Amino acid sequence: MRFPARRELMIALGLGALALAGCGGKTGNVAETGLKRVEATKTLRIGLEGTYPPFNFQDKDGQLAGFEVDFAKALAAQMKVKAEFAPSPFAGLLGALESQRIDVVINQITITPERAAKYDFSRPYTVSGIQIITRKGQTGIAAPADLAGKKVGVGLGTNYESWLRANVKGAVVRTYDDDPTKYQDLKAGRIDAVLNDRLVAADFVKTSPDFVASGAPFASQGMGVAMLRDPALKVTIDQAIDALRANGQLAAISTKWFGQDVTK
């Protein structure tokens, strides 16, 4: 057998590397190494806001708490890795995912066709809808059509922003990086309504007497764990969610925070 000369071998290796590089960019590499990185480090890096009760927030001791924090810890344990949290404003979560500073986002990310065209999603772990929130005693806003011509507060980059822009012509959209600021503006009358998750709204109005959930929820939506294109990681996370559902942990976490099973 004739072995190639060193120069020929180096040229062949170089051409092979170029060919592999041409097969895909960052997304291709993630598909090959995402799950391997998680398994090698025994750590699942999780992006969330940390300011979105009851899903994720800081408790009185400054520790992360909430439904999604408990869910993320259970998910990581099922995968036999440790949960590592990386709080960030909502508008920066998917950017952190794309730059690979985190492995997944667990922050009530609605599974939409637009997002599903760019990211992988687990099967839904909560099912919810959109709720209008207004000041107590305010009248005239109880349905989506009533938002036309009104100043409406939504989280920047959220499904609520995109839904409002697409479905209510004439609404004056006001975007926010966090929840507290938009409710301050609503209380002060600088905006007329806020759109948020129905589950968040139900919890919020219990302890916020200045506000009410106005009208019935609408636009049913499922929320999943968001990740870059990574088939192996998606399968692993889906299997872990299935296991948590089957052994009752998912329903128990939901009941702890909502008094009902909102995961299906």
Protein backbone atom coordinates (compact mmCIF):
# COMPACT_ATOMS: atom_id res chain seq x y z
CA MET A 1 0.00 0.00 0.00
CA ARG A 2 1.31 3.41 -0.93
CA PHE A 3 1.07 6.04 1.80
CA PRO A 4 0.72 9.70 0.68
CA ALA A 5 3.67 12.01 1.12
CA ARG A 6 3.47 14.45 4.05
CA ARG A 7 2.71 17.42 1.77
CA GLU A 8 -0.08 15.51 0.01
CA LEU A 9 -1.51 14.44 3.37
CA MET A 10 -1.54 17.98 4.72
CA ILE A 11 -3.27 19.28 1.58
CA ALA A 12 -5.90 16.54 1.85
CA LEU A 13 -6.51 17.31 5.51
CA GLY A 14 -6.81 21.00 4.75
CA LEU A 15 -9.32 20.43 1.98
CA GLY A 16 -11.29 18.12 4.23
CA ALA A 17 -11.44 20.77 6.97
CA LEU A 18 -12.66 23.35 4.47
CA ALA A 19 -15.33 20.96 3.24
CA LEU A 20 -16.54 20.35 6.78
CA ALA A 21 -16.58 24.07 7.49
CA GLY A 22 -18.72 24.59 4.42
CA CYS A 23 -21.34 22.16 5.66
CA GLY A 24 -22.68 24.53 8.32
CA GLY A 25 -21.94 27.46 10.59
CA LYS A 26 -22.54 27.93 14.27
CA THR A 27 -25.85 26.08 14.25
CA GLY A 28 -24.23 22.97 12.76
CA ASN A 29 -21.59 22.93 15.48
CA VAL A 30 -24.19 23.33 18.19
CA ALA A 31 -26.15 20.39 16.78
CA GLU A 32 -23.05 18.21 17.18
CA THR A 33 -21.77 19.46 20.54
CA GLY A 34 -24.65 21.02 22.55
CA LEU A 35 -25.71 17.92 24.45
CA LYS A 36 -22.10 16.75 24.71
CA ARG A 37 -21.18 20.04 26.43
CA VAL A 38 -24.00 19.62 28.94
CA GLU A 39 -23.04 16.02 29.63
CA ALA A 40 -19.32 16.82 29.88
CA THR A 41 -19.80 19.68 32.35
CA LYS A 42 -22.76 18.07 34.13
CA THR A 43 -24.38 21.51 33.99
CA LEU A 44 -27.43 22.88 32.18
CA ARG A 45 -27.06 26.66 31.79
CA ILE A 46 -30.55 28.19 31.99
CA GLY A 47 -31.55 31.69 30.95
CA LEU A 48 -34.51 33.38 32.68
CA GLU A 49 -35.56 36.87 33.76
CA GLY A 50 -35.70 36.42 37.52
CA THR A 51 -38.29 39.23 37.69
CA TYR A 52 -41.40 37.41 36.45
CA PRO A 53 -43.43 36.03 39.37
CA PRO A 54 -44.78 33.46 39.94
CA PHE A 55 -42.66 31.83 37.22
CA ASN A 56 -39.25 33.15 38.25
CA PHE A 57 -38.31 35.87 40.73
CA GLN A 58 -36.08 36.65 43.71
CA ASP A 59 -37.56 35.79 47.09
CA LYS A 60 -37.11 37.85 50.27
CA ASP A 61 -33.68 36.27 50.76
CA GLY A 62 -32.54 37.18 47.25
CA GLN A 63 -32.76 33.60 46.01
CA LEU A 64 -34.35 32.61 42.72
CA ALA A 65 -37.77 31.03 43.23
CA GLY A 66 -40.93 30.28 41.26
CA PHE A 67 -42.59 27.64 39.15
CA GLU A 68 -39.95 27.69 36.40
CA VAL A 69 -37.08 27.62 38.88
CA ASP A 70 -38.51 24.47 40.48
CA PHE A 71 -39.27 23.02 37.05
CA ALA A 72 -35.75 23.76 35.78
CA LYS A 73 -34.15 22.14 38.82
CA ALA A 74 -36.34 19.04 38.42
CA LEU A 75 -35.58 18.92 34.70
CA ALA A 76 -31.83 19.13 35.28
CA ALA A 77 -32.00 16.48 38.01
CA GLN A 78 -33.91 14.18 35.65
CA MET A 79 -31.10 14.73 33.12
CA LYS A 80 -28.57 13.98 35.89
CA VAL A 81 -26.95 17.40 35.63
CA LYS A 82 -26.96 20.59 37.73
CA ALA A 83 -29.12 23.62 36.96
CA GLU A 84 -27.12 26.84 36.59
CA PHE A 85 -29.21 30.00 36.27
CA ALA A 86 -28.26 33.11 34.29
CA PRO A 87 -30.81 35.92 34.88
CA SER A 88 -31.19 38.49 32.11
CA PRO A 89 -33.80 40.96 30.82
CA PHE A 90 -36.25 39.18 28.55
CA ALA A 91 -35.08 41.04 25.43
CA GLY A 92 -31.58 39.59 25.90
CA LEU A 93 -32.47 35.95 26.60
CA LEU A 94 -32.54 34.68 23.03
CA GLY A 95 -29.39 36.67 22.24
CA ALA A 96 -27.62 34.90 25.11
CA LEU A 97 -28.84 31.61 23.64
CA GLU A 98 -27.53 32.49 20.17
CA SER A 99 -24.12 33.45 21.55
CA GLN A 100 -24.07 30.12 23.43
CA ARG A 101 -23.65 31.75 26.85
CA ILE A 102 -26.58 29.57 27.93
CA ASP A 103 -27.92 26.21 26.76
CA VAL A 104 -31.66 26.81 27.09
CA VAL A 105 -34.21 29.48 27.96
CA ILE A 106 -36.93 28.58 30.47
CA ASN A 107 -38.98 31.76 30.75
CA GLN A 108 -42.51 31.22 29.41
CA ILE A 109 -41.27 31.43 25.83
CA THR A 110 -44.35 30.99 23.65
CA ILE A 111 -43.92 28.49 20.83
CA THR A 112 -44.79 30.47 17.72
CA PRO A 113 -44.21 29.54 14.05
CA GLU A 114 -41.71 32.39 13.74
CA ARG A 115 -39.65 31.24 16.71
CA ALA A 116 -39.96 27.56 15.78
CA ALA A 117 -38.44 28.41 12.39
CA LYS A 118 -35.29 29.59 14.16
CA TYR A 119 -35.04 27.62 17.41
CA ASP A 120 -35.80 24.16 18.71
CA PHE A 121 -38.47 23.88 21.40
CA SER A 122 -39.34 21.16 23.84
CA ARG A 123 -42.92 20.02 24.04
CA PRO A 124 -44.99 22.53 26.08
CA TYR A 125 -44.58 22.49 29.85
CA THR A 126 -47.33 25.08 30.44
CA VAL A 127 -50.44 26.00 28.47
CA SER A 128 -51.81 29.48 28.94
CA GLY A 129 -53.28 32.50 27.14
CA ILE A 130 -53.15 36.30 27.02
CA GLN A 131 -54.86 38.38 29.70
CA ILE A 132 -55.72 42.09 29.66
CA ILE A 133 -54.89 43.86 32.93
CA THR A 134 -56.35 47.29 33.74
CA ARG A 135 -56.66 49.65 36.71
CA LYS A 136 -59.37 48.79 39.20
CA GLY A 137 -62.53 50.72 38.39
CA GLN A 138 -61.48 51.37 34.81
CA THR A 139 -64.14 50.55 32.22
CA GLY A 140 -64.28 50.07 28.47
CA ILE A 141 -61.45 47.55 28.05
CA ALA A 142 -62.53 43.91 28.37
CA ALA A 143 -61.73 42.35 24.98
CA PRO A 144 -58.96 42.56 22.37
CA ALA A 145 -61.02 44.85 20.11
CA ASP A 146 -61.24 47.37 22.96
CA LEU A 147 -57.47 47.92 22.78
CA ALA A 148 -57.70 49.83 19.50
CA GLY A 149 -56.60 53.41 20.07
CA LYS A 150 -55.40 52.60 23.60
CA LYS A 151 -51.88 52.76 25.00
CA VAL A 152 -50.99 49.15 25.83
CA GLY A 153 -47.93 48.00 27.78
CA VAL A 154 -46.16 44.79 26.74
CA GLY A 155 -42.78 43.20 27.39
CA LEU A 156 -40.20 44.06 24.73
CA GLY A 157 -39.73 41.13 22.35
CA THR A 158 -42.53 39.08 23.92
CA ASN A 159 -45.32 37.20 22.21
CA TYR A 160 -47.68 39.81 23.67
CA GLU A 161 -45.94 42.55 21.69
CA SER A 162 -46.03 40.59 18.42
CA TRP A 163 -49.66 39.51 18.98
CA LEU A 164 -50.77 43.08 19.68
CA ARG A 165 -48.99 44.52 16.63
CA ALA A 166 -50.44 41.82 14.37
CA ASN A 167 -54.00 41.72 15.68
CA VAL A 168 -55.06 45.13 16.99
CA LYS A 169 -54.67 47.86 14.42
CA GLY A 170 -54.55 51.27 16.02
CA ALA A 171 -53.24 50.12 19.39
CA VAL A 172 -50.45 52.33 20.71
CA VAL A 173 -47.77 49.83 21.69
CA ARG A 174 -45.55 50.67 24.66
CA THR A 175 -42.69 48.22 25.27
CA TYR A 176 -40.92 47.54 28.58
CA ASP A 177 -37.85 45.62 29.71
CA ASP A 178 -39.48 44.49 32.97
CA ASP A 179 -42.87 43.95 34.59
CA PRO A 180 -42.73 46.44 37.51
CA THR A 181 -42.23 49.51 35.31
CA LYS A 182 -45.23 48.85 33.10
CA TYR A 183 -47.48 48.40 36.13
CA GLN A 184 -46.19 51.67 37.57
CA ASP A 185 -47.15 53.37 34.31
CA LEU A 186 -50.55 51.66 34.32
CA LYS A 187 -51.24 52.82 37.88
CA ALA A 188 -50.19 56.38 37.00
CA GLY A 189 -52.44 56.41 33.91
CA ARG A 190 -49.58 56.72 31.45
CA ILE A 191 -50.88 53.60 29.70
CA ASP A 192 -54.41 52.15 29.56
CA ALA A 193 -53.77 48.40 29.80
CA VAL A 194 -51.13 45.70 30.05
CA LEU A 195 -51.04 42.36 28.26
CA ASN A 196 -49.50 39.44 30.11
CA ASP A 197 -49.75 35.70 30.67
CA ARG A 198 -53.11 34.71 32.19
CA LEU A 199 -51.35 32.73 34.92
CA VAL A 200 -49.09 35.65 35.81
CA ALA A 201 -52.11 37.95 35.84
CA ALA A 202 -54.15 35.67 38.11
CA ASP A 203 -51.33 35.60 40.65
CA PHE A 204 -50.54 39.30 40.31
CA VAL A 205 -54.03 40.69 40.94
CA LYS A 206 -54.37 38.62 44.14
CA THR A 207 -51.80 40.83 45.85
CA SER A 208 -52.19 44.03 43.80
CA PRO A 209 -55.50 45.68 44.69
CA ASP A 210 -55.00 48.54 42.22
CA PHE A 211 -55.37 46.20 39.22
CA VAL A 212 -57.84 43.68 37.80
CA ALA A 213 -57.79 40.99 35.13
CA SER A 214 -60.26 42.37 32.59
CA GLY A 215 -62.30 40.02 30.42
CA ALA A 216 -61.55 36.41 29.52
CA PRO A 217 -58.11 35.14 28.45
CA PHE A 218 -57.61 34.68 24.72
CA ALA A 219 -55.08 33.37 22.16
CA SER A 220 -54.27 30.02 23.82
CA GLN A 221 -50.54 29.34 23.74
CA GLY A 222 -48.04 26.66 24.73
CA MET A 223 -44.67 27.46 26.31
CA GLY A 224 -41.58 25.32 25.82
CA VAL A 225 -37.90 25.14 26.64
CA ALA A 226 -36.11 27.09 23.89
CA MET A 227 -32.71 26.00 22.53
CA LEU A 228 -30.61 26.33 19.42
CA ARG A 229 -31.04 23.72 16.71
CA ASP A 230 -29.86 20.68 18.62
CA PRO A 231 -31.85 17.48 17.92
CA ALA A 232 -30.03 15.41 20.55
CA LEU A 233 -30.58 17.99 23.30
CA LYS A 234 -34.24 18.41 22.31
CA VAL A 235 -34.86 14.66 22.52
CA THR A 236 -33.16 14.48 25.92
CA ILE A 237 -35.17 17.40 27.31
CA ASP A 238 -38.44 16.03 25.91
CA GLN A 239 -37.74 12.66 27.52
CA ALA A 240 -37.01 14.37 30.84
CA ILE A 241 -40.29 16.35 30.65
CA ASP A 242 -42.17 13.14 29.83
CA ALA A 243 -40.64 11.48 32.87
CA LEU A 244 -41.55 14.42 35.14
CA ARG A 245 -45.10 14.30 33.82
CA ALA A 246 -45.35 10.53 34.28
CA ASN A 247 -43.98 10.50 37.85
CA GLY A 248 -46.22 13.39 38.94
CA GLN A 249 -43.49 15.92 39.66
CA LEU A 250 -44.60 18.35 36.96
CA ALA A 251 -48.20 18.42 38.22
CA ALA A 252 -47.00 18.76 41.82
CA ILE A 253 -44.81 21.77 41.00
CA SER A 254 -47.73 23.36 39.14
CA THR A 255 -50.14 22.77 42.02
CA LYS A 256 -47.63 24.28 44.46
CA TRP A 257 -47.54 27.56 42.54
CA PHE A 258 -50.98 27.77 40.89
CA GLY A 259 -53.28 25.48 42.86
CA GLN A 260 -53.99 23.56 39.64
CA ASP A 261 -52.23 21.68 36.86
CA VAL A 262 -51.44 24.25 34.14
CA THR A 263 -48.97 22.00 32.34
CA LYS A 264 -51.40 20.47 29.86
